[in-house]
Amino acid sequence: MTKRIPLAHLPTPIEPLPSLTKLLQGPQLFIKRDDLTGLGMGGNKTRKLEYLTADALAQGCRTLITTGAVQSNHCRQVAAAAARLGLGCILVLGGPDPGTRQGNLLLDALSGAKLVFVPTDERDQRLQQAFAQAKEDDMQPYLIPYGGSNPVGVQGYIQAMQELQEQALKSDWIVLASSSGGTQAGMVLGGKQTGFTGRILGISVDKLATELTQTIIALANQTATYLNMGVEITPQDVFVNDAYCQAGYGNLQPAEVEAIQLFARTEGILLDPVYTSRAAAGLIDLIRKGFFSRDEIVLFWHTGGIPALFAEPYTSTLLG
């Protein structure tokens, strides 16, 4: 495996959700708190960045460059990692400059990142241009892909499944928000490595199940080859539900508002308005439909993103 720089508060705790379990009258619910990884207000990307930044420093790089949405959790954690390690940071953000700095964008600025706003449909092209320019300017850049989802970053969630094994919760299901695919790919590989017997269900945030499943399989197999793991991931190993993403990325729906309110009002746990609220809304709907049996144990893996709660238009929607 790639060397690792400790950036996260690990292991993240597993907590029971007794009030929510009682309210929904479904399976026994637990939560894995990767919102508490610490770096720049935490989240799942910090696990990936432990490996990505180690790789960057091993190559002698001095500037981290990545991309995401204007309220990207990933970009916020990259900016925090760069600040922690004394590196420069350039964030290529898809969407217009909102003017005010709220939520993740405020934390990007506080961490000292250079913010570059570009049309969303030009984001990948402009990322490559920014990387080329930084190279020309002798900034020794290191390119981190969208979501940190490549074989180096995926290692963070192989390690996370090893951590889960040590915590000894025997869950029948893990449910998480899935988008760029790296977190779920790492979980699937880590599950193979640790003998995890449950199923890992990704609630798609923005992609059709066919596309996201292919992305996860490709990432997992690229990582397995990179690490000489001697395993192959097939479609039978990957579970994705795309029934909750039709509204599009970042468009907060009534079911997601309900999920945020239920978690806050029954367990005192905050969800973000883009990823974990969509996954939790899916989880709640599946419980109500009887998808899980009542004697099963379901672990909701909280991937973070809380700062986005404090950005418009989410605050107005949540407060009515």
Protein backbone atom coordinates (compact mmCIF):
# COMPACT_ATOMS: atom_id res chain seq x y z
CA MET A 1 0.00 0.00 0.00
CA THR A 2 0.98 3.65 -0.44
CA LYS A 3 2.50 5.25 2.62
CA ARG A 4 0.00 7.09 4.77
CA ILE A 5 0.11 10.44 6.60
CA PRO A 6 -2.15 10.47 9.67
CA LEU A 7 -4.64 13.30 9.18
CA ALA A 8 -7.87 11.80 10.55
CA HIS A 9 -9.13 11.14 14.06
CA LEU A 10 -9.37 7.35 13.90
CA PRO A 11 -11.04 5.07 14.62
CA THR A 12 -14.28 6.92 14.13
CA PRO A 13 -16.94 5.75 16.58
CA ILE A 14 -19.89 3.49 15.90
CA GLU A 15 -23.03 4.55 17.76
CA PRO A 16 -26.44 2.88 18.10
CA LEU A 17 -29.50 4.80 16.90
CA PRO A 18 -32.11 3.55 19.39
CA SER A 19 -34.64 6.37 19.03
CA LEU A 20 -34.61 6.26 15.24
CA THR A 21 -34.82 2.46 15.32
CA LYS A 22 -37.87 2.68 17.57
CA LEU A 23 -39.52 5.39 15.49
CA LEU A 24 -39.10 3.53 12.19
CA GLN A 25 -39.91 0.09 13.67
CA GLY A 26 -37.41 -1.51 11.35
CA PRO A 27 -33.99 -3.12 11.63
CA GLN A 28 -31.54 -2.27 14.40
CA LEU A 29 -29.74 0.88 13.26
CA PHE A 30 -26.16 1.96 13.95
CA ILE A 31 -24.08 4.81 12.54
CA LYS A 32 -20.37 5.01 11.67
CA ARG A 33 -19.27 8.59 12.33
CA ASP A 34 -16.87 9.49 9.52
CA ASP A 35 -18.22 13.03 9.91
CA LEU A 36 -15.88 13.09 12.93
CA THR A 37 -12.57 12.52 11.14
CA GLY A 38 -11.57 16.02 12.27
CA LEU A 39 -9.66 17.62 9.41
CA GLY A 40 -11.35 20.87 8.33
CA MET A 41 -14.60 19.74 10.05
CA GLY A 42 -14.21 16.14 8.95
CA GLY A 43 -15.71 13.79 6.40
CA ASN A 44 -14.90 10.68 4.40
CA LYS A 45 -12.36 12.33 2.08
CA THR A 46 -9.88 12.71 4.93
CA ARG A 47 -9.27 8.96 4.88
CA LYS A 48 -8.41 9.16 1.17
CA LEU A 49 -6.23 12.21 1.71
CA GLU A 50 -4.04 10.33 4.16
CA TYR A 51 -2.81 8.32 1.18
CA LEU A 52 -3.07 10.99 -1.52
CA THR A 53 -1.02 13.55 0.39
CA ALA A 54 1.59 10.93 1.26
CA ASP A 55 1.89 10.19 -2.46
CA ALA A 56 2.12 13.91 -3.24
CA LEU A 57 4.92 14.49 -0.75
CA ALA A 58 6.76 11.35 -1.93
CA GLN A 59 6.79 12.90 -5.42
CA GLY A 60 8.11 16.23 -4.08
CA CYS A 61 4.93 18.13 -4.89
CA ARG A 62 4.17 21.50 -3.27
CA THR A 63 0.63 22.30 -4.47
CA LEU A 64 -2.57 20.27 -4.32
CA ILE A 65 -5.05 20.84 -7.16
CA THR A 66 -8.52 19.35 -7.32
CA THR A 67 -12.09 20.03 -8.41
CA GLY A 68 -15.66 19.80 -7.21
CA ALA A 69 -18.89 21.73 -6.82
CA VAL A 70 -18.94 25.16 -5.20
CA GLN A 71 -20.00 23.54 -1.91
CA SER A 72 -17.69 20.55 -2.31
CA ASN A 73 -16.88 18.63 0.88
CA HIS A 74 -13.94 17.05 -0.93
CA CYS A 75 -12.43 20.41 -1.87
CA ARG A 76 -12.84 21.70 1.68
CA GLN A 77 -10.87 18.75 3.07
CA VAL A 78 -8.18 19.04 0.38
CA ALA A 79 -7.75 22.71 1.33
CA ALA A 80 -7.46 21.78 5.01
CA ALA A 81 -4.94 19.02 4.26
CA ALA A 82 -2.83 21.42 2.22
CA ALA A 83 -2.87 23.93 5.08
CA ARG A 84 -1.91 21.23 7.60
CA LEU A 85 1.04 20.10 5.49
CA GLY A 86 2.25 23.52 4.40
CA LEU A 87 1.27 23.03 0.75
CA GLY A 88 -0.39 25.36 -1.71
CA CYS A 89 -3.93 24.57 -2.87
CA ILE A 90 -5.91 25.42 -6.00
CA LEU A 91 -9.60 24.50 -6.15
CA VAL A 92 -11.38 24.49 -9.52
CA LEU A 93 -15.04 24.86 -8.57
CA GLY A 94 -17.87 24.16 -11.00
CA GLY A 95 -20.39 26.97 -10.87
CA PRO A 96 -20.56 30.76 -10.58
CA ASP A 97 -18.93 32.62 -7.72
CA PRO A 98 -21.79 33.19 -5.24
CA GLY A 99 -20.03 36.24 -3.85
CA THR A 100 -20.55 35.50 -0.17
CA ARG A 101 -18.40 32.81 1.46
CA GLN A 102 -20.66 30.40 3.33
CA GLY A 103 -20.49 26.73 4.30
CA ASN A 104 -17.67 24.76 2.69
CA LEU A 105 -16.65 27.77 0.60
CA LEU A 106 -15.97 29.79 3.74
CA LEU A 107 -13.71 27.04 5.04
CA ASP A 108 -11.91 26.80 1.68
CA ALA A 109 -11.08 30.49 1.93
CA LEU A 110 -10.08 30.27 5.59
CA SER A 111 -7.67 27.44 4.72
CA GLY A 112 -5.98 29.73 2.20
CA ALA A 113 -6.95 27.91 -0.99
CA LYS A 114 -7.01 29.73 -4.32
CA LEU A 115 -10.57 29.51 -5.65
CA VAL A 116 -11.18 29.28 -9.40
CA PHE A 117 -14.83 29.36 -10.48
CA VAL A 118 -15.61 27.83 -13.88
CA PRO A 119 -18.72 26.73 -15.81
CA THR A 120 -19.69 23.28 -14.55
CA ASP A 121 -19.55 21.71 -18.01
CA GLU A 122 -15.96 22.97 -18.42
CA ARG A 123 -14.76 21.83 -15.00
CA ASP A 124 -12.60 18.88 -16.07
CA GLN A 125 -11.02 20.79 -18.96
CA ARG A 126 -10.28 23.80 -16.77
CA LEU A 127 -8.82 21.52 -14.09
CA GLN A 128 -6.30 20.21 -16.59
CA GLN A 129 -5.52 23.76 -17.69
CA ALA A 130 -4.96 24.85 -14.09
CA PHE A 131 -2.67 21.90 -13.52
CA ALA A 132 -0.67 22.67 -16.66
CA GLN A 133 -0.36 26.33 -15.67
CA ALA A 134 0.77 25.45 -12.15
CA LYS A 135 3.37 23.13 -13.61
CA GLU A 136 4.59 25.87 -15.94
CA ASP A 137 4.79 28.24 -12.95
CA ASP A 138 7.00 25.70 -11.12
CA MET A 139 4.43 25.16 -8.35
CA GLN A 140 5.12 21.40 -8.45
CA PRO A 141 1.42 20.50 -8.51
CA TYR A 142 -0.22 17.21 -7.55
CA LEU A 143 -3.56 16.48 -9.23
CA ILE A 144 -6.23 14.92 -7.04
CA PRO A 145 -9.20 13.62 -9.06
CA TYR A 146 -12.83 14.45 -8.32
CA GLY A 147 -13.72 12.94 -4.95
CA GLY A 148 -10.18 11.65 -4.45
CA SER A 149 -11.38 8.55 -6.26
CA ASN A 150 -8.37 6.77 -7.75
CA PRO A 151 -6.37 3.70 -6.65
CA VAL A 152 -4.31 5.78 -4.21
CA GLY A 153 -7.35 7.36 -2.55
CA VAL A 154 -9.41 4.16 -2.55
CA GLN A 155 -6.95 2.70 -0.06
CA GLY A 156 -8.50 4.90 2.63
CA TYR A 157 -11.64 2.79 2.64
CA ILE A 158 -9.86 -0.53 2.45
CA GLN A 159 -8.27 0.58 5.72
CA ALA A 160 -11.70 1.73 6.99
CA MET A 161 -13.10 -1.78 6.56
CA GLN A 162 -10.15 -3.16 8.53
CA GLU A 163 -11.05 -0.62 11.23
CA LEU A 164 -14.67 -1.78 11.14
CA GLN A 165 -13.59 -5.39 11.59
CA GLU A 166 -11.65 -4.39 14.72
CA GLN A 167 -14.75 -2.65 16.08
CA ALA A 168 -16.55 -6.00 15.88
CA LEU A 169 -20.02 -4.83 14.79
CA LYS A 170 -21.52 -7.66 12.74
CA SER A 171 -23.81 -5.72 10.44
CA ASP A 172 -25.94 -7.30 7.73
CA TRP A 173 -25.90 -4.12 5.67
CA ILE A 174 -23.80 -1.00 5.28
CA VAL A 175 -25.69 1.91 3.70
CA LEU A 176 -23.83 4.98 2.42
CA ALA A 177 -24.04 7.88 -0.02
CA SER A 178 -22.22 7.00 -3.24
CA SER A 179 -21.18 9.40 -6.00
CA SER A 180 -17.60 9.38 -7.34
CA GLY A 181 -17.40 5.72 -6.33
CA GLY A 182 -14.11 5.65 -4.45
CA THR A 183 -15.54 5.17 -0.97
CA GLN A 184 -17.75 2.27 -1.99
CA ALA A 185 -14.99 0.71 -4.12
CA GLY A 186 -12.66 0.74 -1.12
CA MET A 187 -15.36 -0.75 1.10
CA VAL A 188 -16.01 -3.58 -1.36
CA LEU A 189 -12.29 -4.38 -1.58
CA GLY A 190 -11.82 -4.04 2.15
CA GLY A 191 -14.82 -6.27 2.70
CA LYS A 192 -13.23 -8.96 0.53
CA GLN A 193 -9.97 -8.61 2.42
CA THR A 194 -11.54 -8.80 5.88
CA GLY A 195 -14.19 -11.44 5.15
CA PHE A 196 -17.11 -9.04 5.67
CA THR A 197 -20.27 -11.10 5.13
CA GLY A 198 -22.82 -8.28 4.91
CA ARG A 199 -23.83 -6.26 1.88
CA ILE A 200 -22.70 -2.74 1.06
CA LEU A 201 -25.49 -0.63 -0.45
CA GLY A 202 -24.61 2.65 -2.12
CA ILE A 203 -27.47 5.14 -2.40
CA SER A 204 -26.61 7.04 -5.56
CA VAL A 205 -26.47 10.79 -5.13
CA ASP A 206 -26.34 11.71 -8.82
CA LYS A 207 -25.74 8.79 -11.20
CA LEU A 208 -27.81 5.97 -12.67
CA ALA A 209 -27.08 2.61 -11.10
CA THR A 210 -25.57 1.18 -14.30
CA GLU A 211 -23.03 4.00 -14.58
CA LEU A 212 -22.15 4.11 -10.88
CA THR A 213 -21.82 0.32 -10.65
CA GLN A 214 -19.40 0.33 -13.60
CA THR A 215 -17.40 3.14 -12.00
CA ILE A 216 -17.13 1.27 -8.69
CA ILE A 217 -16.11 -2.00 -10.38
CA ALA A 218 -13.48 -0.26 -12.50
CA LEU A 219 -12.04 1.64 -9.53
CA ALA A 220 -12.02 -1.45 -7.34
CA ASN A 221 -10.27 -3.58 -9.94
CA GLN A 222 -7.74 -0.86 -10.79
CA THR A 223 -6.95 -0.61 -7.08
CA ALA A 224 -6.73 -4.39 -6.66
CA THR A 225 -4.22 -4.50 -9.53
CA TYR A 226 -2.30 -1.51 -8.12
CA LEU A 227 -2.00 -3.28 -4.75
CA ASN A 228 -1.50 -6.81 -6.16
CA MET A 229 -4.44 -8.03 -4.11
CA GLY A 230 -5.27 -10.97 -6.35
CA VAL A 231 -9.05 -10.37 -6.28
CA GLU A 232 -11.56 -9.37 -8.94
CA ILE A 233 -14.73 -7.41 -8.27
CA THR A 234 -17.77 -8.33 -10.39
CA PRO A 235 -21.28 -6.82 -10.70
CA GLN A 236 -22.47 -9.39 -8.15
CA ASP A 237 -20.29 -7.70 -5.52
CA VAL A 238 -21.70 -4.19 -5.96
CA PHE A 239 -25.10 -2.97 -4.75
CA VAL A 240 -26.37 0.44 -5.90
CA ASN A 241 -29.81 2.02 -5.59
CA ASP A 242 -30.53 5.00 -7.87
CA ALA A 243 -34.17 5.53 -6.93
CA TYR A 244 -33.46 8.72 -4.98
CA CYS A 245 -31.27 10.80 -7.28
CA GLN A 246 -33.72 11.87 -9.98
CA ALA A 247 -33.89 15.45 -8.66
CA GLY A 248 -30.23 15.95 -9.53
CA TYR A 249 -27.12 16.78 -7.57
CA GLY A 250 -27.60 19.17 -4.66
CA ASN A 251 -31.34 19.70 -5.17
CA LEU A 252 -32.77 19.19 -1.69
CA GLN A 253 -36.04 17.25 -1.72
CA PRO A 254 -38.80 16.90 0.93
CA ALA A 255 -37.69 13.35 1.80
CA GLU A 256 -34.17 14.64 2.43
CA VAL A 257 -35.45 17.49 4.59
CA GLU A 258 -37.38 14.89 6.60
CA ALA A 259 -34.25 12.75 6.96
CA ILE A 260 -32.20 15.71 8.23
CA GLN A 261 -34.94 16.59 10.71
CA LEU A 262 -35.43 13.00 11.91
CA PHE A 263 -31.72 12.42 12.58
CA ALA A 264 -31.40 15.79 14.32
CA ARG A 265 -34.56 15.47 16.41
CA THR A 266 -34.26 11.80 17.42
CA GLU A 267 -30.50 11.32 17.75
CA GLY A 268 -28.92 14.78 17.77
CA ILE A 269 -26.94 13.90 14.63
CA LEU A 270 -26.60 16.33 11.74
CA LEU A 271 -26.70 15.25 8.10
CA ASP A 272 -25.55 17.28 5.14
CA PRO A 273 -28.00 18.52 2.47
CA VAL A 274 -26.35 16.82 -0.54
CA TYR A 275 -24.97 13.38 0.32
CA THR A 276 -25.92 11.92 3.70
CA SER A 277 -29.45 13.35 3.63
CA ARG A 278 -30.08 11.63 0.29
CA ALA A 279 -28.64 8.35 1.56
CA ALA A 280 -30.61 8.63 4.79
CA ALA A 281 -33.81 9.42 2.90
CA GLY A 282 -33.22 6.26 0.88
CA LEU A 283 -32.54 4.26 4.02
CA ILE A 284 -35.72 5.52 5.69
CA ASP A 285 -37.82 4.79 2.60
CA LEU A 286 -36.39 1.28 2.28
CA ILE A 287 -37.15 0.59 5.95
CA ARG A 288 -40.73 1.77 5.51
CA LYS A 289 -41.09 -0.48 2.47
CA GLY A 290 -39.85 -3.52 4.43
CA PHE A 291 -36.65 -3.94 2.41
CA PHE A 292 -34.73 -4.92 5.56
CA SER A 293 -35.98 -7.51 8.00
CA ARG A 294 -36.46 -6.37 11.59
CA ASP A 295 -33.85 -8.78 12.93
CA GLU A 296 -31.12 -7.36 10.68
CA ILE A 297 -28.43 -4.89 11.74
CA VAL A 298 -27.95 -1.92 9.40
CA LEU A 299 -24.94 0.38 9.68
CA PHE A 300 -25.40 3.85 8.18
CA TRP A 301 -21.95 5.16 7.23
CA HIS A 302 -21.97 8.94 7.77
CA THR A 303 -19.61 10.45 5.19
CA GLY A 304 -19.76 14.01 6.56
CA GLY A 305 -20.44 17.29 4.80
CA ILE A 306 -22.01 19.23 7.67
CA PRO A 307 -20.67 22.72 6.65
CA ALA A 308 -22.97 22.76 3.61
CA LEU A 309 -25.92 23.03 6.02
CA PHE A 310 -24.86 26.62 6.63
CA ALA A 311 -24.99 27.75 3.00
CA GLU A 312 -27.88 29.17 1.04
CA PRO A 313 -30.22 27.93 -0.35
CA TYR A 314 -30.12 25.01 2.07
CA THR A 315 -30.73 27.02 5.23
CA SER A 316 -33.88 28.61 3.81
CA THR A 317 -35.22 25.25 2.62
CA LEU A 318 -34.57 23.51 5.92
CA LEU A 319 -36.20 26.28 7.93
CA GLY A 320 -39.15 26.66 5.56
